Amino acid sequence: MTHAGRDRPISANSIRLDPPTPNGLVDTLTYVNTKKRYSQGSPVPEFHALADFRCEPQVVFDFLIRPANVVQLSPPDFHVRLIEGPTVVRLGSTVTVEARNFGLRQRFSVRIIEWEENHLLTDEQIDGPFRYYRHTRQMERTASGCRLIEVVDFTPPGGMMGMLLTADRLQQYLADLHQHRVSVMRTLLENPGKT
């Protein structure tokens, strides 16, 4: 499936798969500098990650379409607050959160630009620190449950903040955040009632 604004499909085939973890689940992080978009003469960074969950795709999707869960998925030291957003997002919904990242309190607003029930959710920054930010989450059914494929296209901030937040530093930040989110999601989704 090709998604709006993309020149190639998102699939597990476009992401390098690492061997399964000891629990049999796949966790992969891949950093890609694509040639499809340029900013000031440089390729725009693209962050890829995937993770397997022992639950159905609709369970993962239902969790991700609820903005209040963003708070649960964020590391406690980020102090994330949901400022505005619906209980459940749909195509066209906007969500605003406030967080403390890189020593600064920042607001981040996104609009849902792709929404396909139990399969696809994409948000794009409409206000925030990045010059460009798009986060796509695709859920695929697997033999053990669900594979969540995430792709983040971004252009680092400009100005003084951009000098501190380079693409490499932001990719490491996204990797750390992804690993935290996957850990929390596995606890909440794979063992409901045990938390």
Protein backbone atom coordinates (compact mmCIF):
# COMPACT_ATOMS: atom_id res chain seq x y z
CA MET A 1 0.00 0.00 0.00
CA THR A 2 1.35 3.42 -0.93
CA HIS A 3 0.47 6.27 1.42
CA ALA A 4 -0.12 9.93 0.64
CA GLY A 5 3.12 11.84 0.25
CA ARG A 6 5.23 8.69 0.03
CA ASP A 7 7.08 7.42 -3.00
CA ARG A 8 7.17 3.84 -1.76
CA PRO A 9 4.98 1.58 0.36
CA ILE A 10 5.56 1.11 4.04
CA SER A 11 6.13 -2.54 4.75
CA ALA A 12 8.28 -4.79 6.82
CA ASN A 13 10.19 -5.50 3.60
CA SER A 14 11.56 -1.95 3.58
CA ILE A 15 12.93 -2.33 7.12
CA ARG A 16 15.88 -4.47 8.15
CA LEU A 17 14.61 -7.18 10.49
CA ASP A 18 16.76 -8.09 13.46
CA PRO A 19 16.52 -11.58 14.98
CA PRO A 20 13.63 -11.95 17.45
CA THR A 21 14.25 -10.96 21.06
CA PRO A 22 14.45 -13.71 23.72
CA ASN A 23 10.67 -13.41 24.18
CA GLY A 24 10.22 -14.19 20.47
CA LEU A 25 9.10 -10.69 19.53
CA VAL A 26 10.78 -8.47 16.95
CA ASP A 27 12.17 -5.04 17.82
CA THR A 28 13.99 -3.18 15.06
CA LEU A 29 15.20 0.38 14.75
CA THR A 30 16.55 1.62 11.43
CA TYR A 31 17.68 5.11 10.53
CA VAL A 32 17.32 6.13 6.90
CA ASN A 33 18.28 9.30 5.07
CA THR A 34 15.90 9.32 2.14
CA LYS A 35 16.51 11.02 -1.17
CA LYS A 36 12.84 11.82 -1.75
CA ARG A 37 12.81 15.21 0.00
CA TYR A 38 15.52 17.76 0.51
CA SER A 39 15.88 20.59 2.98
CA GLN A 40 18.60 23.12 2.35
CA GLY A 41 20.36 20.67 0.02
CA SER A 42 20.45 17.76 2.49
CA PRO A 43 18.33 14.58 2.53
CA VAL A 44 15.52 14.65 5.10
CA PRO A 45 16.00 12.09 7.87
CA GLU A 46 13.53 9.25 8.16
CA PHE A 47 13.30 7.08 11.25
CA HIS A 48 11.95 3.52 10.94
CA ALA A 49 11.03 1.20 13.78
CA LEU A 50 8.91 -1.85 14.23
CA ALA A 51 7.77 -4.00 17.10
CA ASP A 52 5.65 -7.11 17.50
CA PHE A 53 2.86 -7.40 20.05
CA ARG A 54 0.99 -10.45 21.31
CA CYS A 55 -2.42 -8.94 20.66
CA GLU A 56 -4.63 -8.22 17.66
CA PRO A 57 -4.01 -5.16 15.43
CA GLN A 58 -7.33 -3.62 16.50
CA VAL A 59 -6.12 -3.61 20.15
CA VAL A 60 -2.98 -1.65 19.19
CA PHE A 61 -4.97 0.66 16.91
CA ASP A 62 -7.63 1.35 19.55
CA PHE A 63 -4.91 2.23 22.04
CA LEU A 64 -3.11 4.59 19.64
CA ILE A 65 -6.22 6.56 18.57
CA ARG A 66 -6.80 7.76 22.15
CA PRO A 67 -4.71 10.91 22.79
CA ALA A 68 -4.88 10.43 26.56
CA ASN A 69 -2.65 7.36 26.07
CA VAL A 70 0.17 9.64 24.85
CA VAL A 71 0.76 10.54 28.50
CA GLN A 72 1.06 6.85 29.43
CA LEU A 73 3.55 6.22 26.62
CA SER A 74 5.87 9.11 27.48
CA PRO A 75 8.78 8.84 29.90
CA PRO A 76 7.80 10.39 33.27
CA ASP A 77 10.59 12.98 33.10
CA PHE A 78 8.98 14.48 29.95
CA HIS A 79 6.00 15.69 32.04
CA VAL A 80 3.64 15.30 29.08
CA ARG A 81 0.19 16.88 29.36
CA LEU A 82 -2.67 16.59 26.92
CA ILE A 83 -3.72 20.19 26.23
CA GLU A 84 -6.40 19.64 23.60
CA GLY A 85 -7.84 16.80 21.59
CA PRO A 86 -10.82 14.48 21.22
CA THR A 87 -11.25 11.32 23.26
CA VAL A 88 -10.71 9.32 20.05
CA VAL A 89 -9.05 10.73 16.92
CA ARG A 90 -10.44 10.42 13.41
CA LEU A 91 -9.26 11.77 10.07
CA GLY A 92 -8.81 15.55 10.45
CA SER A 93 -8.65 15.54 14.27
CA THR A 94 -6.07 17.77 15.94
CA VAL A 95 -4.22 17.03 19.15
CA THR A 96 -1.98 19.32 21.21
CA VAL A 97 0.37 18.12 23.94
CA GLU A 98 2.86 19.96 26.08
CA ALA A 99 6.07 18.34 27.26
CA ARG A 100 9.48 19.10 28.66
CA ASN A 101 12.08 17.92 26.13
CA PHE A 102 15.73 18.90 25.82
CA GLY A 103 15.34 21.17 28.85
CA LEU A 104 12.53 23.21 27.27
CA ARG A 105 8.76 23.17 27.78
CA GLN A 106 7.22 22.90 24.32
CA ARG A 107 3.81 22.51 22.72
CA PHE A 108 3.34 20.14 19.84
CA SER A 109 0.16 20.10 17.72
CA VAL A 110 -0.61 17.50 15.07
CA ARG A 111 -3.43 16.78 12.65
CA ILE A 112 -4.48 13.26 11.70
CA ILE A 113 -3.94 13.07 7.94
CA GLU A 114 -4.37 9.31 7.39
CA TRP A 115 -6.71 7.04 9.31
CA GLU A 116 -7.64 3.50 8.29
CA GLU A 117 -9.39 1.51 11.00
CA ASN A 118 -7.22 -1.15 12.66
CA HIS A 119 -4.44 -0.56 10.12
CA LEU A 120 -3.07 2.97 9.65
CA LEU A 121 -2.67 6.21 11.60
CA THR A 122 -0.59 9.19 10.43
CA ASP A 123 -0.24 12.56 12.09
CA GLU A 124 1.57 15.64 10.81
CA GLN A 125 2.81 18.58 12.86
CA ILE A 126 0.79 21.77 12.40
CA ASP A 127 2.59 23.68 15.16
CA GLY A 128 5.69 22.77 17.11
CA PRO A 129 9.46 22.71 17.22
CA PHE A 130 10.19 20.78 14.01
CA ARG A 131 10.32 22.41 10.59
CA TYR A 132 8.55 19.27 9.36
CA TYR A 133 7.27 16.20 11.23
CA ARG A 134 5.12 13.28 10.07
CA HIS A 135 4.58 10.08 12.08
CA THR A 136 3.00 7.04 10.42
CA ARG A 137 1.97 3.94 12.35
CA GLN A 138 0.90 0.87 10.41
CA MET A 139 -0.47 -2.27 12.05
CA GLU A 140 -0.15 -5.66 10.35
CA ARG A 141 -1.50 -9.00 11.52
CA THR A 142 1.18 -11.61 12.27
CA ALA A 143 1.07 -15.22 13.42
CA SER A 144 1.67 -14.07 17.01
CA GLY A 145 -0.57 -10.97 16.92
CA CYS A 146 0.39 -7.56 15.53
CA ARG A 147 3.40 -5.89 14.01
CA LEU A 148 3.52 -2.12 14.49
CA ILE A 149 5.59 -0.38 11.82
CA GLU A 150 6.48 3.24 12.52
CA VAL A 151 8.02 5.78 10.14
CA VAL A 152 8.87 9.32 11.22
CA ASP A 153 9.89 11.86 8.57
CA PHE A 154 11.25 15.03 10.09
CA THR A 155 13.25 18.16 9.49
CA PRO A 156 15.06 19.34 12.63
CA PRO A 157 14.21 22.75 14.09
CA GLY A 158 15.94 25.81 12.72
CA GLY A 159 17.81 28.54 14.56
CA MET A 160 19.60 28.01 17.85
CA MET A 161 17.46 24.99 18.72
CA GLY A 162 18.44 23.36 15.42
CA MET A 163 22.11 23.74 16.29
CA LEU A 164 21.49 21.68 19.44
CA LEU A 165 19.01 19.22 18.00
CA THR A 166 20.81 17.72 15.03
CA ALA A 167 19.28 14.93 12.95
CA ASP A 168 21.58 12.38 14.63
CA ARG A 169 20.59 13.52 18.11
CA LEU A 170 16.90 13.50 17.18
CA GLN A 171 17.18 10.00 15.73
CA GLN A 172 18.68 8.77 19.00
CA TYR A 173 15.88 10.56 20.87
CA LEU A 174 13.27 8.85 18.65
CA ALA A 175 14.96 5.47 19.21
CA ASP A 176 14.94 5.90 22.99
CA LEU A 177 11.33 7.09 22.93
CA HIS A 178 10.28 4.18 20.71
CA GLN A 179 11.85 1.63 23.04
CA HIS A 180 10.11 3.18 26.05
CA ARG A 181 6.73 3.25 24.25
CA VAL A 182 7.03 -0.37 23.13
CA SER A 183 7.85 -1.50 26.66
CA VAL A 184 4.87 0.37 28.11
CA MET A 185 2.52 -0.78 25.35
CA ARG A 186 3.50 -4.42 25.81
CA THR A 187 2.80 -4.17 29.53
CA LEU A 188 -0.58 -2.50 29.01
CA LEU A 189 -1.83 -4.37 25.93
CA GLU A 190 -0.47 -7.88 26.32
CA ASN A 191 -1.35 -8.30 29.99
CA PRO A 192 -4.56 -6.34 30.51
CA GLY A 193 -5.68 -6.36 34.12
CA LYS A 194 -2.22 -7.22 35.44
CA THR A 195 -0.97 -3.62 35.69
